[in-house]
Amino acid sequence: FVCFYVRYKIHVKGIESFRTAPHPLIIVANHI
């Protein structure tokens, strides 16, 4: 929290999809 918010202003879209996703789950993300 401290490290990211010092450097970035974070914009999140679709957080409810994340929090309500069923298990088991595979999260697929690009890598920056």
All heavy atoms as atom14 arrays in JSON, in Angstrom:
{
  "sequence": "FVCFYVRYKIHVKGIESFRTAPHPLIIVANHI",
  "atom14_mask": [
    [1, 1, 1, 1, 1, 1, 1, 1, 1, 1, 1, 0, 0, 0],
    [1, 1, 1, 1, 1, 1, 1, 0, 0, 0, 0, 0, 0, 0],
    [1, 1, 1, 1, 1, 1, 0, 0, 0, 0, 0, 0, 0, 0],
    [1, 1, 1, 1, 1, 1, 1, 1, 1, 1, 1, 0, 0, 0],
    [1, 1, 1, 1, 1, 1, 1, 1, 1, 1, 1, 1, 0, 0],
    [1, 1, 1, 1, 1, 1, 1, 0, 0, 0, 0, 0, 0, 0],
    [1, 1, 1, 1, 1, 1, 1, 1, 1, 1, 1, 0, 0, 0],
    [1, 1, 1, 1, 1, 1, 1, 1, 1, 1, 1, 1, 0, 0],
    [1, 1, 1, 1, 1, 1, 1, 1, 1, 0, 0, 0, 0, 0],
    [1, 1, 1, 1, 1, 1, 1, 1, 0, 0, 0, 0, 0, 0],
    [1, 1, 1, 1, 1, 1, 1, 1, 1, 1, 0, 0, 0, 0],
    [1, 1, 1, 1, 1, 1, 1, 0, 0, 0, 0, 0, 0, 0],
    [1, 1, 1, 1, 1, 1, 1, 1, 1, 0, 0, 0, 0, 0],
    [1, 1, 1, 1, 0, 0, 0, 0, 0, 0, 0, 0, 0, 0],
    [1, 1, 1, 1, 1, 1, 1, 1, 0, 0, 0, 0, 0, 0],
    [1, 1, 1, 1, 1, 1, 1, 1, 1, 0, 0, 0, 0, 0],
    [1, 1, 1, 1, 1, 1, 0, 0, 0, 0, 0, 0, 0, 0],
    [1, 1, 1, 1, 1, 1, 1, 1, 1, 1, 1, 0, 0, 0],
    [1, 1, 1, 1, 1, 1, 1, 1, 1, 1, 1, 0, 0, 0],
    [1, 1, 1, 1, 1, 1, 1, 0, 0, 0, 0, 0, 0, 0],
    [1, 1, 1, 1, 1, 0, 0, 0, 0, 0, 0, 0, 0, 0],
    [1, 1, 1, 1, 1, 1, 1, 0, 0, 0, 0, 0, 0, 0],
    [1, 1, 1, 1, 1, 1, 1, 1, 1, 1, 0, 0, 0, 0],
    [1, 1, 1, 1, 1, 1, 1, 0, 0, 0, 0, 0, 0, 0],
    [1, 1, 1, 1, 1, 1, 1, 1, 0, 0, 0, 0, 0, 0],
    [1, 1, 1, 1, 1, 1, 1, 1, 0, 0, 0, 0, 0, 0],
    [1, 1, 1, 1, 1, 1, 1, 1, 0, 0, 0, 0, 0, 0],
    [1, 1, 1, 1, 1, 1, 1, 0, 0, 0, 0, 0, 0, 0],
    [1, 1, 1, 1, 1, 0, 0, 0, 0, 0, 0, 0, 0, 0],
    [1, 1, 1, 1, 1, 1, 1, 1, 0, 0, 0, 0, 0, 0],
    [1, 1, 1, 1, 1, 1, 1, 1, 1, 1, 0, 0, 0, 0],
    [1, 1, 1, 1, 1, 1, 1, 1, 0, 0, 0, 0, 0, 0]
  ],
  "atom14_positions": [
    [[0.83, -1.2, 0.0], [0.0, 0.0, 0.0], [0.87, 1.25, 0.0], [0.68, 2.17, -0.82], [-0.92, -0.02, 1.22], [-1.84, 1.18, 1.3], [-3.09, 1.14, 0.7], [-1.45, 2.33, 1.97], [-3.94, 2.24, 0.76], [-2.28, 3.42, 2.05], [-3.53, 3.38, 1.44], [0.0, 0.0, 0.0], [0.0, 0.0, 0.0], [0.0, 0.0, 0.0]],
    [[1.83, 1.3, 0.9], [2.69, 2.48, 1.01], [3.54, 2.64, -0.25], [3.62, 3.73, -0.83], [3.59, 2.36, 2.26], [4.63, 3.49, 2.27], [2.76, 2.39, 3.53], [0.0, 0.0, 0.0], [0.0, 0.0, 0.0], [0.0, 0.0, 0.0], [0.0, 0.0, 0.0], [0.0, 0.0, 0.0], [0.0, 0.0, 0.0], [0.0, 0.0, 0.0]],
    [[4.17, 1.56, -0.7], [5.07, 1.64, -1.84], [4.36, 2.07, -3.13], [4.87, 2.9, -3.89], [5.76, 0.29, -2.06], [6.93, -0.16, -0.76], [0.0, 0.0, 0.0], [0.0, 0.0, 0.0], [0.0, 0.0, 0.0], [0.0, 0.0, 0.0], [0.0, 0.0, 0.0], [0.0, 0.0, 0.0], [0.0, 0.0, 0.0], [0.0, 0.0, 0.0]],
    [[3.17, 1.52, -3.36], [2.46, 1.84, -4.6], [1.83, 3.23, -4.56], [1.91, 3.97, -5.54], [1.38, 0.79, -4.89], [1.9, -0.4, -5.63], [2.19, -1.57, -4.96], [2.13, -0.35, -7.0], [2.68, -2.68, -5.63], [2.61, -1.45, -7.69], [2.9, -2.62, -7.0], [0.0, 0.0, 0.0], [0.0, 0.0, 0.0], [0.0, 0.0, 0.0]],
    [[1.23, 3.6, -3.44], [0.53, 4.88, -3.41], [1.48, 6.07, -3.32], [1.08, 7.2, -3.61], [-0.51, 4.9, -2.29], [-1.79, 4.23, -2.71], [-2.04, 2.91, -2.37], [-2.73, 4.9, -3.48], [-3.2, 2.27, -2.78], [-3.89, 4.28, -3.89], [-4.13, 2.96, -3.54], [-5.27, 2.33, -3.96], [0.0, 0.0, 0.0], [0.0, 0.0, 0.0]],
    [[2.71, 5.84, -2.94], [3.71, 6.91, -3.01], [4.06, 7.2, -4.47], [4.26, 8.36, -4.86], [4.98, 6.51, -2.23], [6.15, 7.42, -2.58], [4.7, 6.59, -0.73], [0.0, 0.0, 0.0], [0.0, 0.0, 0.0], [0.0, 0.0, 0.0], [0.0, 0.0, 0.0], [0.0, 0.0, 0.0], [0.0, 0.0, 0.0], [0.0, 0.0, 0.0]],
    [[4.1, 6.17, -5.3], [4.56, 6.32, -6.69], [3.42, 6.45, -7.69], [3.61, 7.05, -8.76], [5.41, 5.11, -7.08], [6.68, 4.93, -6.29], [7.46, 3.74, -6.81], [7.82, 3.9, -8.21], [8.25, 2.91, -8.97], [8.36, 1.69, -8.47], [8.57, 3.13, -10.23], [0.0, 0.0, 0.0], [0.0, 0.0, 0.0], [0.0, 0.0, 0.0]],
    [[2.24, 5.88, -7.39], [1.19, 5.8, -8.39], [-0.16, 6.29, -7.88], [-0.47, 6.19, -6.69], [1.0, 4.34, -8.85], [2.21, 3.73, -9.51], [3.02, 2.82, -8.82], [2.54, 4.04, -10.82], [4.12, 2.25, -9.42], [3.65, 3.47, -11.44], [4.44, 2.58, -10.73], [5.53, 2.02, -11.32], [0.0, 0.0, 0.0], [0.0, 0.0, 0.0]],
    [[-0.96, 6.79, -8.81], [-2.38, 7.0, -8.57], [-3.08, 5.84, -9.27], [-3.07, 5.74, -10.5], [-2.85, 8.33, -9.15], [-4.34, 8.6, -8.91], [-4.72, 9.98, -9.42], [-6.23, 10.22, -9.26], [-6.67, 10.13, -7.85], [0.0, 0.0, 0.0], [0.0, 0.0, 0.0], [0.0, 0.0, 0.0], [0.0, 0.0, 0.0], [0.0, 0.0, 0.0]],
    [[-3.66, 4.94, -8.49], [-4.16, 3.68, -9.02], [-5.64, 3.8, -9.35], [-6.46, 4.23, -8.52], [-3.93, 2.54, -8.03], [-2.42, 2.41, -7.74], [-4.47, 1.22, -8.57], [-2.08, 1.39, -6.66], [0.0, 0.0, 0.0], [0.0, 0.0, 0.0], [0.0, 0.0, 0.0], [0.0, 0.0, 0.0], [0.0, 0.0, 0.0], [0.0, 0.0, 0.0]],
    [[-6.0, 3.44, -10.59], [-7.39, 3.46, -11.05], [-7.82, 2.0, -11.29], [-7.21, 1.31, -12.12], [-7.52, 4.25, -12.35], [-6.9, 5.62, -12.28], [-7.62, 6.75, -11.95], [-5.62, 6.03, -12.51], [-6.82, 7.8, -11.99], [-5.59, 7.39, -12.3], [0.0, 0.0, 0.0], [0.0, 0.0, 0.0], [0.0, 0.0, 0.0], [0.0, 0.0, 0.0]],
    [[-8.84, 1.55, -10.59], [-9.27, 0.16, -10.69], [-10.69, 0.1, -11.25], [-11.59, 0.79, -10.77], [-9.25, -0.54, -9.31], [-9.67, -2.0, -9.46], [-7.87, -0.44, -8.68], [0.0, 0.0, 0.0], [0.0, 0.0, 0.0], [0.0, 0.0, 0.0], [0.0, 0.0, 0.0], [0.0, 0.0, 0.0], [0.0, 0.0, 0.0], [0.0, 0.0, 0.0]],
    [[-10.88, -0.71, -12.27], [-12.19, -0.92, -12.87], [-12.54, -2.41, -12.81], [-11.74, -3.25, -13.19], [-12.18, -0.46, -14.33], [-13.53, -0.59, -15.03], [-13.45, -0.07, -16.46], [-14.8, -0.21, -17.16], [-14.73, 0.29, -18.57], [0.0, 0.0, 0.0], [0.0, 0.0, 0.0], [0.0, 0.0, 0.0], [0.0, 0.0, 0.0], [0.0, 0.0, 0.0]],
    [[-13.73, -2.71, -12.28], [-14.19, -4.1, -12.24], [-13.85, -4.84, -10.96], [-13.8, -6.07, -10.95], [0.0, 0.0, 0.0], [0.0, 0.0, 0.0], [0.0, 0.0, 0.0], [0.0, 0.0, 0.0], [0.0, 0.0, 0.0], [0.0, 0.0, 0.0], [0.0, 0.0, 0.0], [0.0, 0.0, 0.0], [0.0, 0.0, 0.0], [0.0, 0.0, 0.0]],
    [[-13.66, -4.11, -9.86], [-13.23, -4.76, -8.62], [-14.25, -5.77, -8.11], [-13.89, -6.79, -7.51], [-12.92, -3.7, -7.52], [-12.26, -4.35, -6.31], [-14.17, -2.93, -7.13], [-10.96, -5.01, -6.57], [0.0, 0.0, 0.0], [0.0, 0.0, 0.0], [0.0, 0.0, 0.0], [0.0, 0.0, 0.0], [0.0, 0.0, 0.0], [0.0, 0.0, 0.0]],
    [[-15.55, -5.52, -8.36], [-16.56, -6.47, -7.89], [-16.44, -7.82, -8.58], [-16.73, -8.86, -7.99], [-17.97, -5.89, -8.08], [-18.33, -4.82, -7.07], [-18.15, -5.3, -5.63], [-18.61, -6.41, -5.31], [-17.52, -4.58, -4.84], [0.0, 0.0, 0.0], [0.0, 0.0, 0.0], [0.0, 0.0, 0.0], [0.0, 0.0, 0.0], [0.0, 0.0, 0.0]],
    [[-16.03, -7.81, -9.86], [-15.79, -9.08, -10.56], [-14.71, -9.88, -9.86], [-14.76, -11.11, -9.79], [-15.37, -8.8, -12.01], [-16.38, -8.16, -12.73], [0.0, 0.0, 0.0], [0.0, 0.0, 0.0], [0.0, 0.0, 0.0], [0.0, 0.0, 0.0], [0.0, 0.0, 0.0], [0.0, 0.0, 0.0], [0.0, 0.0, 0.0], [0.0, 0.0, 0.0]],
    [[-13.72, -9.16, -9.35], [-12.61, -9.79, -8.64], [-13.1, -10.4, -7.33], [-12.87, -11.58, -7.04], [-11.55, -8.72, -8.37], [-10.17, -9.25, -8.12], [-9.08, -8.39, -8.17], [-9.93, -10.58, -7.84], [-7.8, -8.85, -7.94], [-8.66, -11.05, -7.61], [-7.59, -10.19, -7.66], [0.0, 0.0, 0.0], [0.0, 0.0, 0.0], [0.0, 0.0, 0.0]],
    [[-13.77, -9.6, -6.54], [-14.13, -10.02, -5.19], [-15.21, -11.09, -5.15], [-15.32, -11.84, -4.18], [-14.56, -8.8, -4.39], [-13.39, -7.85, -4.11], [-13.8, -6.59, -3.42], [-12.64, -5.75, -3.13], [-12.7, -4.48, -2.77], [-13.89, -3.88, -2.65], [-11.6, -3.8, -2.53], [0.0, 0.0, 0.0], [0.0, 0.0, 0.0], [0.0, 0.0, 0.0]],
    [[-16.02, -11.18, -6.19], [-17.11, -12.16, -6.21], [-16.82, -13.36, -7.12], [-17.68, -14.21, -7.3], [-18.43, -11.5, -6.65], [-18.25, -10.96, -7.98], [-18.82, -10.37, -5.71], [0.0, 0.0, 0.0], [0.0, 0.0, 0.0], [0.0, 0.0, 0.0], [0.0, 0.0, 0.0], [0.0, 0.0, 0.0], [0.0, 0.0, 0.0], [0.0, 0.0, 0.0]],
    [[-15.62, -13.43, -7.67], [-15.27, -14.53, -8.57], [-15.29, -15.86, -7.81], [-14.89, -15.94, -6.65], [-13.89, -14.31, -9.18], [0.0, 0.0, 0.0], [0.0, 0.0, 0.0], [0.0, 0.0, 0.0], [0.0, 0.0, 0.0], [0.0, 0.0, 0.0], [0.0, 0.0, 0.0], [0.0, 0.0, 0.0], [0.0, 0.0, 0.0], [0.0, 0.0, 0.0]],
    [[-15.77, -16.92, -8.46], [-15.89, -18.23, -7.78], [-14.55, -18.96, -7.7], [-13.6, -18.62, -8.41], [-16.87, -18.99, -8.68], [-16.59, -18.44, -10.05], [-16.28, -16.98, -9.85], [0.0, 0.0, 0.0], [0.0, 0.0, 0.0], [0.0, 0.0, 0.0], [0.0, 0.0, 0.0], [0.0, 0.0, 0.0], [0.0, 0.0, 0.0], [0.0, 0.0, 0.0]],
    [[-14.51, -19.96, -6.85], [-13.35, -20.85, -6.76], [-13.74, -22.21, -7.33], [-14.9, -22.6, -7.24], [-12.94, -21.03, -5.3], [-12.25, -19.83, -4.72], [-11.54, -19.87, -3.54], [-12.15, -18.54, -5.16], [-11.06, -18.68, -3.26], [-11.43, -17.85, -4.23], [0.0, 0.0, 0.0], [0.0, 0.0, 0.0], [0.0, 0.0, 0.0], [0.0, 0.0, 0.0]],
    [[-12.79, -22.96, -7.89], [-11.39, -22.57, -8.14], [-11.31, -21.5, -9.22], [-12.24, -21.33, -10.0], [-10.75, -23.88, -8.58], [-11.86, -24.64, -9.22], [-13.09, -24.31, -8.41], [0.0, 0.0, 0.0], [0.0, 0.0, 0.0], [0.0, 0.0, 0.0], [0.0, 0.0, 0.0], [0.0, 0.0, 0.0], [0.0, 0.0, 0.0], [0.0, 0.0, 0.0]],
    [[-10.17, -20.81, -9.28], [-10.05, -19.67, -10.17], [-8.63, -19.56, -10.73], [-7.67, -19.77, -9.99], [-10.4, -18.39, -9.4], [-10.42, -17.07, -10.18], [-11.55, -17.08, -11.21], [-10.59, -15.9, -9.22], [0.0, 0.0, 0.0], [0.0, 0.0, 0.0], [0.0, 0.0, 0.0], [0.0, 0.0, 0.0], [0.0, 0.0, 0.0], [0.0, 0.0, 0.0]],
    [[-8.55, -19.23, -12.01], [-7.27, -18.93, -12.64], [-7.28, -17.45, -13.02], [-8.13, -17.01, -13.81], [-7.04, -19.78, -13.91], [-7.12, -21.27, -13.57], [-5.69, -19.44, -14.55], [-7.19, -22.16, -14.8], [0.0, 0.0, 0.0], [0.0, 0.0, 0.0], [0.0, 0.0, 0.0], [0.0, 0.0, 0.0], [0.0, 0.0, 0.0], [0.0, 0.0, 0.0]],
    [[-6.4, -16.68, -12.42], [-6.28, -15.26, -12.76], [-5.18, -15.12, -13.8], [-4.06, -15.58, -13.59], [-5.95, -14.41, -11.51], [-7.08, -14.53, -10.48], [-5.73, -12.95, -11.9], [-6.78, -13.83, -9.16], [0.0, 0.0, 0.0], [0.0, 0.0, 0.0], [0.0, 0.0, 0.0], [0.0, 0.0, 0.0], [0.0, 0.0, 0.0], [0.0, 0.0, 0.0]],
    [[-5.53, -14.51, -14.93], [-4.59, -14.34, -16.03], [-4.35, -12.84, -16.22], [-5.28, -12.07, -16.43], [-5.15, -14.95, -17.33], [-4.23, -14.66, -18.5], [-5.34, -16.45, -17.16], [0.0, 0.0, 0.0], [0.0, 0.0, 0.0], [0.0, 0.0, 0.0], [0.0, 0.0, 0.0], [0.0, 0.0, 0.0], [0.0, 0.0, 0.0], [0.0, 0.0, 0.0]],
    [[-3.08, -12.42, -16.12], [-2.76, -11.0, -16.2], [-1.55, -10.77, -17.09], [-0.68, -11.64, -17.21], [-2.48, -10.43, -14.81], [0.0, 0.0, 0.0], [0.0, 0.0, 0.0], [0.0, 0.0, 0.0], [0.0, 0.0, 0.0], [0.0, 0.0, 0.0], [0.0, 0.0, 0.0], [0.0, 0.0, 0.0], [0.0, 0.0, 0.0], [0.0, 0.0, 0.0]],
    [[-1.52, -9.59, -17.72], [-0.29, -9.2, -18.42], [0.76, -8.81, -17.39], [0.45, -8.61, -16.21], [-0.56, -8.09, -19.41], [-0.99, -6.79, -18.75], [-1.88, -6.77, -17.9], [-0.38, -5.68, -19.14], [0.0, 0.0, 0.0], [0.0, 0.0, 0.0], [0.0, 0.0, 0.0], [0.0, 0.0, 0.0], [0.0, 0.0, 0.0], [0.0, 0.0, 0.0]],
    [[2.0, -8.71, -17.84], [3.12, -8.59, -16.89], [3.94, -7.34, -17.22], [4.69, -7.32, -18.2], [4.0, -9.84, -17.02], [4.71, -10.23, -15.76], [4.54, -9.56, -14.56], [5.61, -11.22, -15.51], [5.3, -10.13, -13.64], [5.96, -11.14, -14.18], [0.0, 0.0, 0.0], [0.0, 0.0, 0.0], [0.0, 0.0, 0.0], [0.0, 0.0, 0.0]],
    [[3.8, -6.28, -16.41], [4.51, -5.04, -16.69], [5.63, -4.75, -15.69], [6.43, -3.85, -15.9], [3.54, -3.84, -16.73], [2.9, -3.59, -15.36], [2.48, -4.05, -17.8], [2.08, -2.31, -15.29], [0.0, 0.0, 0.0], [0.0, 0.0, 0.0], [0.0, 0.0, 0.0], [0.0, 0.0, 0.0], [0.0, 0.0, 0.0], [0.0, 0.0, 0.0]]
  ]
}
